Protein backbone atom coordinates (compact mmCIF):
# COMPACT_ATOMS: atom_id res chain seq x y z
CA UNK A 1 0.11 0.00 -0.18
CA UNK A 2 1.49 3.81 -1.00
CA UNK A 3 1.83 6.31 1.43
CA UNK A 4 -0.66 8.64 2.50
CA UNK A 5 -0.78 11.86 0.49
CA UNK A 6 -3.07 14.87 0.35
CA UNK A 7 -5.81 14.94 -1.95
CA UNK A 8 -6.08 17.81 -4.20
CA UNK A 9 -10.04 18.57 -4.12
CA UNK A 10 -10.08 21.87 -6.64
CA UNK A 11 -10.20 19.44 -9.51
CA UNK A 12 -13.28 17.38 -7.93
CA UNK A 13 -16.38 17.79 -9.70
CA UNK A 14 -17.96 14.40 -9.38
CA UNK A 15 -17.95 11.73 -6.72
CA UNK A 16 -18.46 7.55 -8.09
CA UNK A 17 -19.50 5.77 -4.77
CA UNK A 18 -19.43 2.13 -4.76
CA UNK A 19 -18.52 -0.57 -2.68
CA UNK A 20 -15.34 -3.20 -3.48
CA UNK A 21 -16.05 -5.94 -1.06
CA UNK A 22 -17.56 -9.15 -2.68
CA UNK A 23 -19.02 -10.73 0.29
CA UNK A 24 -22.83 -10.19 0.33
CA UNK A 25 -25.13 -9.56 3.64
CA UNK A 26 -23.20 -6.47 4.23
CA UNK A 27 -25.89 -4.48 3.77
CA UNK A 28 -24.28 -3.03 0.69
CA UNK A 29 -27.70 -1.93 -1.10
CA UNK A 30 -29.34 -0.82 2.50
CA UNK A 31 -26.18 1.86 2.60
CA UNK A 32 -26.79 2.63 -0.87
CA UNK A 33 -30.43 3.63 -0.65
CA UNK A 34 -30.04 5.54 2.65
CA UNK A 35 -27.05 7.60 0.79
CA UNK A 36 -29.11 8.25 -2.25
CA UNK A 37 -32.32 9.40 0.12
CA UNK A 38 -29.63 12.04 1.93
CA UNK A 39 -28.73 13.23 -1.73
CA UNK A 40 -32.40 13.65 -2.54
CA UNK A 41 -33.36 15.43 0.95
CA UNK A 42 -30.11 17.54 0.22
CA UNK A 43 -31.03 18.05 -3.16
CA UNK A 44 -27.72 16.96 -4.60
CA UNK A 45 -27.52 16.12 -8.28
CA UNK A 46 -27.05 12.32 -8.59
CA UNK A 47 -27.55 9.03 -10.48
CA UNK A 48 -27.06 5.63 -9.48
CA UNK A 49 -26.26 2.32 -11.29
CA UNK A 50 -28.31 -0.68 -10.15
CA UNK A 51 -25.60 -3.14 -11.19
CA UNK A 52 -27.35 -6.02 -9.19
CA UNK A 53 -29.86 -7.68 -11.51
CA UNK A 54 -30.94 -10.21 -9.11
CA UNK A 55 -32.41 -7.82 -6.30
CA UNK A 56 -32.96 -4.66 -8.22
CA UNK A 57 -32.86 -2.93 -4.67
CA UNK A 58 -32.35 0.92 -5.92
CA UNK A 59 -34.04 0.75 -9.36
CA UNK A 60 -37.09 -0.80 -7.43
CA UNK A 61 -37.09 2.37 -4.82
CA UNK A 62 -35.93 5.10 -7.57
CA UNK A 63 -37.33 6.28 -10.92
CA UNK A 64 -35.35 5.32 -13.77
CA UNK A 65 -34.35 8.98 -14.36
CA UNK A 66 -32.33 8.60 -11.03
CA UNK A 67 -31.50 4.54 -11.04
CA UNK A 68 -30.93 2.85 -14.24
CA UNK A 69 -30.90 -1.00 -13.92
CA UNK A 70 -28.16 -2.40 -15.97
CA UNK A 71 -25.63 -5.29 -15.73
CA UNK A 72 -22.38 -3.50 -16.01
CA UNK A 73 -20.58 -5.84 -14.32
CA UNK A 74 -21.77 -8.79 -16.40
CA UNK A 75 -19.01 -8.34 -18.95
CA UNK A 76 -16.02 -5.66 -19.70
CA UNK A 77 -17.69 -4.49 -22.55
CA UNK A 78 -20.97 -3.39 -20.53
CA UNK A 79 -18.40 -2.19 -17.70
CA UNK A 80 -16.62 0.15 -20.58
CA UNK A 81 -19.81 1.30 -21.74
CA UNK A 82 -21.21 2.45 -18.79
CA UNK A 83 -17.64 4.25 -18.53
CA UNK A 84 -18.16 6.36 -21.53
CA UNK A 85 -21.97 6.91 -20.73
CA UNK A 86 -21.78 8.54 -17.10
CA UNK A 87 -24.20 11.44 -16.43
CA UNK A 88 -22.63 14.87 -15.95
CA UNK A 89 -24.09 14.62 -12.01
CA UNK A 90 -22.19 15.89 -8.65
CA UNK A 91 -22.75 12.10 -7.08
CA UNK A 92 -22.58 9.00 -8.89
CA UNK A 93 -23.34 5.66 -7.30
CA UNK A 94 -23.32 2.21 -8.45
CA UNK A 95 -24.56 -0.74 -6.22
CA UNK A 96 -22.83 -4.00 -7.32
CA UNK A 97 -23.88 -7.73 -7.09
CA UNK A 98 -22.06 -10.07 -4.67
CA UNK A 99 -18.72 -11.54 -6.01
CA UNK A 100 -17.81 -9.32 -8.21
CA UNK A 101 -14.53 -7.69 -7.01
CA UNK A 102 -12.38 -9.49 -9.34
CA UNK A 103 -14.57 -8.15 -11.98
CA UNK A 104 -14.73 -4.61 -11.00
CA UNK A 105 -10.38 -4.42 -10.75
CA UNK A 106 -10.36 -6.38 -13.92
CA UNK A 107 -12.18 -3.99 -15.89
CA UNK A 108 -10.66 -0.82 -13.96
CA UNK A 109 -7.54 -1.75 -14.92
CA UNK A 110 -8.31 -2.90 -18.48
CA UNK A 111 -9.70 0.73 -19.12
CA UNK A 112 -7.58 2.47 -16.71
CA UNK A 113 -10.71 3.73 -15.09
CA UNK A 114 -8.96 6.00 -12.65
CA UNK A 115 -6.64 8.12 -14.56
CA UNK A 116 -9.88 8.42 -17.02
CA UNK A 117 -11.37 9.59 -13.79
CA UNK A 118 -9.08 12.22 -12.91
CA UNK A 119 -8.81 13.29 -16.41
CA UNK A 120 -12.18 14.15 -16.18
CA UNK A 121 -12.48 15.41 -12.48
CA UNK A 122 -14.28 12.25 -10.76
CA UNK A 123 -12.76 10.96 -7.63
CA UNK A 124 -13.80 7.57 -6.54
CA UNK A 125 -14.90 6.64 -3.16
CA UNK A 126 -15.09 3.53 -2.14
CA UNK A 127 -17.16 2.00 0.81
CA UNK A 128 -15.41 -0.49 3.08
CA UNK A 129 -17.65 -2.71 5.54
CA UNK A 130 -15.57 -3.07 8.88
CA UNK A 131 -16.29 -6.93 9.09
CA UNK A 132 -14.52 -9.59 9.85
CA UNK A 133 -16.04 -12.15 7.37
CA UNK A 134 -12.63 -13.25 5.67
CA UNK A 135 -14.49 -13.02 2.28
CA UNK A 136 -15.31 -9.61 2.97
CA UNK A 137 -12.00 -8.43 4.50
CA UNK A 138 -10.10 -10.44 1.79
CA UNK A 139 -11.78 -8.57 -1.02
CA UNK A 140 -11.65 -5.28 1.28
CA UNK A 141 -7.74 -5.50 1.09
CA UNK A 142 -7.58 -6.48 -2.50
CA UNK A 143 -9.66 -3.25 -3.57
CA UNK A 144 -7.38 -1.04 -1.46
CA UNK A 145 -4.38 -2.56 -2.27
CA UNK A 146 -5.17 -2.10 -6.16
CA UNK A 147 -6.39 1.68 -5.80
CA UNK A 148 -4.32 2.62 -2.95
CA UNK A 149 -3.98 6.78 -2.41
CA UNK A 150 -5.97 7.20 -5.91
CA UNK A 151 -9.52 6.57 -4.23
CA UNK A 152 -10.84 8.14 -1.01
CA UNK A 153 -12.33 5.75 1.57
CA UNK A 154 -15.27 5.55 3.98
CA UNK A 155 -15.84 2.68 6.72
CA UNK A 156 -19.07 1.41 7.49
CA UNK A 157 -20.27 -0.23 10.81
CA UNK A 158 -23.42 -2.14 10.78
CA UNK A 159 -23.98 -3.54 14.18
CA UNK A 160 -27.11 -5.62 12.44
CA UNK A 161 -24.30 -7.54 10.22
CA UNK A 162 -21.36 -7.96 12.22
CA UNK A 163 -20.65 -6.98 15.93
CA UNK A 164 -17.07 -8.52 16.46
CA UNK A 165 -14.27 -5.72 16.77
CA UNK A 166 -11.87 -8.04 14.67
CA UNK A 167 -11.72 -6.23 11.86
CA UNK A 168 -10.33 -3.23 14.08
CA UNK A 169 -6.69 -5.19 14.96
CA UNK A 170 -6.46 -5.02 10.79
CA UNK A 171 -3.47 -3.51 8.99
CA UNK A 172 -6.45 -2.35 6.62
CA UNK A 173 -8.07 -0.55 9.14
CA UNK A 174 -4.70 1.25 10.82
CA UNK A 175 -4.16 2.30 7.16
CA UNK A 176 -7.72 3.64 6.55
CA UNK A 177 -7.35 5.66 9.95
CA UNK A 178 -3.71 6.88 8.86
CA UNK A 179 -5.85 8.57 5.82
CA UNK A 180 -8.76 9.73 8.16
CA UNK A 181 -11.03 7.80 6.49
CA UNK A 182 -14.55 8.47 8.38
CA UNK A 183 -16.81 6.06 9.33
CA UNK A 184 -20.42 5.87 9.12
CA UNK A 185 -22.44 3.91 12.20
CA UNK A 186 -25.76 2.57 10.83
CA UNK A 187 -28.46 2.66 13.24
CA UNK A 188 -30.55 0.11 14.36
CA UNK A 189 -33.95 -0.34 13.27
CA UNK A 190 -36.30 -1.20 15.63
CA UNK A 191 -39.32 -3.14 15.48
CA UNK A 192 -41.57 -0.54 15.99
CA UNK A 193 -39.70 1.38 12.75
CA UNK A 194 -39.92 -2.09 10.29
CA UNK A 195 -43.89 -2.17 11.50
CA UNK A 196 -44.60 1.21 10.49
CA UNK A 197 -42.56 0.75 7.31
CA UNK A 198 -44.91 -2.13 6.41
CA UNK A 199 -48.05 0.12 6.67
CA UNK A 200 -46.45 2.62 4.46
CA UNK A 201 -45.26 0.51 2.11
CA UNK A 202 -48.96 -1.05 1.72
CA UNK A 203 -50.14 2.54 1.47
CA UNK A 204 -47.66 3.33 -1.62
CA UNK A 205 -48.16 -0.18 -3.27
CA UNK A 206 -51.90 1.01 -3.94
CA UNK A 207 -51.15 4.52 -5.02
CA UNK A 208 -48.60 2.99 -7.53
CA UNK A 209 -50.83 0.79 -8.52
CA UNK A 210 -53.39 3.20 -9.61
CA UNK A 211 -51.36 5.09 -11.18
CA UNK A 212 -50.80 7.92 -8.55
CA UNK A 213 -47.43 9.52 -7.72
CA UNK A 214 -45.14 7.04 -5.48
CA UNK A 215 -42.08 4.65 -5.64
CA UNK A 216 -42.80 1.03 -6.16
CA UNK A 217 -43.26 -0.66 -3.16
CA UNK A 218 -40.87 -2.93 -1.46
CA UNK A 219 -42.10 -5.97 0.76
CA UNK A 220 -41.73 -6.27 4.14
CA UNK A 221 -39.11 -9.18 3.79
CA UNK A 222 -37.11 -6.66 1.86
CA UNK A 223 -37.13 -3.88 4.93
CA UNK A 224 -36.65 -7.12 7.60
CA UNK A 225 -33.49 -8.04 5.59
CA UNK A 226 -32.00 -4.82 5.70
CA UNK A 227 -32.67 -4.19 9.01
CA UNK A 228 -31.00 -7.71 10.17
CA UNK A 229 -28.39 -7.53 8.16
CA UNK A 230 -29.60 -10.02 5.19
CA UNK A 231 -29.33 -7.65 2.91
CA UNK A 232 -26.99 -8.23 -0.05
């Protein structure tokens, strides 16, 4: 891994946010959904790519003008097509399927993604889930070793998915602290909140079915997965 160096933020016009870890059930889509909600509330222009065609968490909850569902990690060509057609927004976010870290790194190397980003004012921001799971930790290390200081990092603590402090004993954690990587602690979602969401989902589902303004309805199982850590 490289030594710390300051980031010249003057040339950054866009943030590209994604997670580099392969392990599912970390809460990646829940965090991505939360980020989009924050951006929408704050009025920050954003666009997202829902590359997880199995779950389609983001594309079920946001209109096509904001979130595009596309299997951009399925092949080198589709990944390259995504890179050549990125919208001009302040924040770009990609929700990837599990077990796609090797593809992400291979495609990034093939297209020299980071160099292209730097040339166009895009700064990569990688989410690192503080999990002690071996697959999650190994893929996080591989991702950080590849991108190094050419990306920024945000650590995510999700107590619904992992409660151990083993991650904080790793060299990766120390490396991230050296770079002042911030930490986001995901709040615990209570049963009362889950019940309220389920009731709201039922109402939104009816409105959408009648063609009234609304968002695609989530099933109660989706909400429970997001709170219990079973989300992909």
